[in-house]
Amino acid sequence: MTETVIDLIRHGEPAGGRRYRGHNIDDPLTEKGWSQMWNAVGEYAAWQQIITSPLQRCQRFAHELGERHGINVIVEPRFKEVGFGAWEGLGHDEVKIDRTDEYHAFLKDPVNQRPHDAEPLDDFIQRVGLAYEETLERYRGACGYCKNSACLSVRSVSNQNQQWRNHADSPCRNRWRAGIAEWEIV
């Protein structure tokens, strides 16, 4: 069985505080965010490929890491974050207070009660899932690093409402091993 190892790494703290960014708010990492990222990857450098979201909170670190270790970096546009529509750029407290009904509906059913003009989750899952499957096929048998939050989000929404509520700290690192027909989270 050919095994492919994927490290999914969520971005560190972005500038602008805690707010809904989606894919239209492209804040850079803060100094703390950069430090979080270097701590998350540590001294590990055995990746054969780095694939990143086009968002600067992901892409800039991926390029720095690739340069440091001589690893090729590819930007995959479909690995951008899910769109939050009207909430993008708004702080979490601002949404809780100014859009109370919307906020509570979203908490109760984040799959079907999306913010106005938000990307439908089915579209997001299809977009990222297709990119992810193509990435697996292209790099089968390799050890890769996927720098973004979109891959992690696809795993999180796969069980619909229940899993969507899982919060991924910034940054976090998950290692997946993909065989011919199975996944193992290590």
Protein backbone atom coordinates (compact mmCIF):
# COMPACT_ATOMS: atom_id res chain seq x y z
CA MET A 1 0.00 0.00 0.00
CA THR A 2 1.33 3.41 -0.92
CA GLU A 3 1.18 5.76 2.03
CA THR A 4 0.96 9.52 1.80
CA VAL A 5 1.63 11.59 4.92
CA ILE A 6 0.02 15.01 5.16
CA ASP A 7 0.69 17.50 7.94
CA LEU A 8 -2.19 19.95 8.16
CA ILE A 9 -1.10 23.11 9.91
CA ARG A 10 -3.46 25.91 10.85
CA HIS A 11 -2.15 29.45 10.62
CA GLY A 12 -0.96 31.42 13.65
CA GLU A 13 -2.51 34.58 15.10
CA PRO A 14 -3.37 37.12 12.37
CA ALA A 15 -3.39 40.90 12.78
CA GLY A 16 -6.72 42.53 13.51
CA GLY A 17 -7.80 40.60 16.58
CA ARG A 18 -10.45 37.96 16.86
CA ARG A 19 -12.83 38.38 13.96
CA TYR A 20 -14.43 36.60 11.05
CA ARG A 21 -11.97 36.72 8.16
CA GLY A 22 -13.19 34.15 5.68
CA HIS A 23 -11.41 34.47 2.37
CA ASN A 24 -11.93 38.17 1.71
CA ILE A 25 -10.12 39.56 4.76
CA ASP A 26 -6.45 38.80 4.23
CA ASP A 27 -4.65 39.88 7.41
CA PRO A 28 -0.97 39.02 7.81
CA LEU A 29 0.35 37.09 10.79
CA THR A 30 1.31 39.07 13.87
CA GLU A 31 4.74 38.66 15.43
CA LYS A 32 3.10 36.23 17.85
CA GLY A 33 1.56 34.38 14.89
CA TRP A 34 4.98 33.95 13.27
CA SER A 35 6.40 32.65 16.55
CA GLN A 36 3.46 30.24 16.91
CA MET A 37 4.11 28.89 13.44
CA TRP A 38 7.83 28.31 13.97
CA ASN A 39 7.02 26.58 17.27
CA ALA A 40 4.37 24.40 15.59
CA VAL A 41 6.76 23.05 12.94
CA GLY A 42 9.79 22.90 15.24
CA GLU A 43 12.90 21.48 13.61
CA TYR A 44 10.98 19.09 11.37
CA ALA A 45 12.01 19.51 7.73
CA ALA A 46 11.32 16.16 6.04
CA TRP A 47 8.48 17.40 3.83
CA GLN A 48 8.85 16.82 0.11
CA GLN A 49 6.26 19.42 -0.84
CA ILE A 50 4.52 22.40 0.77
CA ILE A 51 1.05 23.34 -0.44
CA THR A 52 -0.53 26.51 0.84
CA SER A 53 -3.63 28.64 0.75
CA PRO A 54 -3.29 31.86 -1.25
CA LEU A 55 -4.08 33.91 1.88
CA GLN A 56 -1.07 35.75 3.25
CA ARG A 57 -1.68 34.46 6.79
CA CYS A 58 -0.80 31.06 5.36
CA GLN A 59 1.27 31.70 2.25
CA ARG A 60 4.01 33.92 3.67
CA PHE A 61 5.01 31.42 6.33
CA ALA A 62 4.86 28.52 3.87
CA HIS A 63 7.29 30.36 1.56
CA GLU A 64 9.63 31.20 4.45
CA LEU A 65 9.61 27.56 5.58
CA GLY A 66 10.19 26.32 2.04
CA GLU A 67 13.09 28.72 1.57
CA ARG A 68 14.66 27.73 4.88
CA HIS A 69 14.62 24.02 4.03
CA GLY A 70 14.82 24.02 0.23
CA ILE A 71 11.29 22.65 -0.19
CA ASN A 72 9.13 23.55 -3.18
CA VAL A 73 5.99 25.58 -2.35
CA ILE A 74 2.80 25.51 -4.39
CA VAL A 75 -0.09 27.92 -3.86
CA GLU A 76 -3.45 26.16 -4.23
CA PRO A 77 -6.19 28.81 -4.68
CA ARG A 78 -8.95 26.37 -3.71
CA PHE A 79 -7.42 25.98 -0.24
CA LYS A 80 -8.66 29.38 0.88
CA GLU A 81 -10.88 29.68 3.95
CA VAL A 82 -14.66 29.36 3.79
CA GLY A 83 -16.38 32.67 2.98
CA PHE A 84 -18.29 34.27 5.86
CA GLY A 85 -20.14 36.80 3.71
CA ALA A 86 -21.57 39.77 5.65
CA TRP A 87 -19.68 38.77 8.79
CA GLU A 88 -16.23 39.08 7.22
CA GLY A 89 -14.23 41.75 9.01
CA LEU A 90 -16.59 41.85 11.99
CA GLY A 91 -15.41 40.95 15.48
CA HIS A 92 -16.95 37.98 17.25
CA ASP A 93 -18.38 40.20 20.01
CA GLU A 94 -19.74 42.63 17.41
CA VAL A 95 -21.68 39.80 15.73
CA LYS A 96 -22.93 38.46 19.08
CA ILE A 97 -24.26 41.89 20.09
CA ASP A 98 -25.36 43.52 16.82
CA ARG A 99 -26.60 40.39 15.04
CA THR A 100 -27.88 38.39 17.99
CA ASP A 101 -30.57 36.41 16.16
CA GLU A 102 -28.28 35.57 13.24
CA TYR A 103 -25.49 34.59 15.62
CA HIS A 104 -27.67 32.24 17.69
CA ALA A 105 -29.19 30.68 14.56
CA PHE A 106 -25.66 30.06 13.25
CA LEU A 107 -24.56 28.47 16.54
CA LYS A 108 -27.60 26.23 16.52
CA ASP A 109 -27.22 25.19 12.85
CA PRO A 110 -23.96 26.42 11.27
CA VAL A 111 -24.51 24.33 8.17
CA ASN A 112 -27.90 25.77 7.17
CA GLN A 113 -27.99 29.13 8.98
CA ARG A 114 -25.06 30.82 7.24
CA PRO A 115 -24.36 34.57 7.42
CA HIS A 116 -25.84 36.61 4.55
CA ASP A 117 -23.82 36.07 1.33
CA ALA A 118 -21.63 33.43 3.01
CA GLU A 119 -20.23 30.63 0.92
CA PRO A 120 -22.53 27.60 1.18
CA LEU A 121 -20.77 24.80 3.06
CA ASP A 122 -21.54 22.28 0.32
CA ASP A 123 -19.67 24.53 -2.15
CA PHE A 124 -16.78 24.92 0.27
CA ILE A 125 -16.56 21.17 0.90
CA GLN A 126 -16.67 20.44 -2.83
CA ARG A 127 -14.04 23.11 -3.64
CA VAL A 128 -11.54 22.09 -0.98
CA GLY A 129 -12.31 18.38 -1.19
CA LEU A 130 -11.60 18.28 -4.92
CA ALA A 131 -8.35 20.21 -4.46
CA TYR A 132 -7.36 17.90 -1.61
CA GLU A 133 -8.08 14.71 -3.59
CA GLU A 134 -6.11 16.06 -6.57
CA THR A 135 -3.25 16.91 -4.21
CA LEU A 136 -3.26 13.39 -2.76
CA GLU A 137 -3.21 11.85 -6.21
CA ARG A 138 -0.43 14.12 -7.44
CA TYR A 139 1.81 13.53 -4.41
CA ARG A 140 0.88 9.92 -3.60
CA GLY A 141 3.57 8.31 -1.48
CA ALA A 142 5.10 11.63 -0.44
CA CYS A 143 5.30 13.50 2.83
CA GLY A 144 3.61 16.86 2.39
CA TYR A 145 2.76 19.91 4.37
CA CYS A 146 -0.55 21.62 3.79
CA LYS A 147 -0.47 25.16 5.21
CA ASN A 148 -3.96 26.52 5.58
CA SER A 149 -7.16 26.31 7.49
CA ALA A 150 -9.31 25.08 4.64
CA CYS A 151 -8.09 21.47 4.72
CA LEU A 152 -8.64 21.32 8.43
CA SER A 153 -12.10 22.77 7.97
CA VAL A 154 -13.11 20.11 5.47
CA ARG A 155 -12.32 17.43 8.01
CA SER A 156 -14.22 19.40 10.62
CA VAL A 157 -17.44 19.73 8.61
CA SER A 158 -17.47 16.18 7.32
CA ASN A 159 -19.87 15.17 10.08
CA GLN A 160 -21.98 18.29 9.53
CA ASN A 161 -23.18 20.23 12.59
CA GLN A 162 -21.46 18.22 15.30
CA GLN A 163 -17.95 18.48 13.91
CA TRP A 164 -18.33 22.08 12.66
CA ARG A 165 -18.34 23.27 16.25
CA ASN A 166 -14.84 21.91 16.87
CA HIS A 167 -12.47 24.83 17.30
CA ALA A 168 -8.93 24.57 15.98
CA ASP A 169 -6.47 26.59 17.98
CA SER A 170 -4.00 28.73 16.09
CA PRO A 171 -1.80 27.12 15.08
CA CYS A 172 -2.29 23.42 15.36
CA ARG A 173 -0.67 20.53 13.52
CA ASN A 174 -2.43 17.30 12.57
CA ARG A 175 -0.70 14.44 10.79
CA TRP A 176 -2.76 12.26 8.45
CA ARG A 177 -1.64 9.07 6.78
CA ALA A 178 -3.53 8.24 3.61
CA GLY A 179 -3.46 4.72 2.24
CA ILE A 180 -5.30 3.43 -0.76
CA ALA A 181 -8.74 3.55 0.86
CA GLU A 182 -8.31 4.67 4.42
CA TRP A 183 -7.25 7.61 6.58
CA GLU A 184 -5.53 7.53 9.89
CA ILE A 185 -5.13 10.62 12.02
CA VAL A 186 -1.86 10.31 13.92
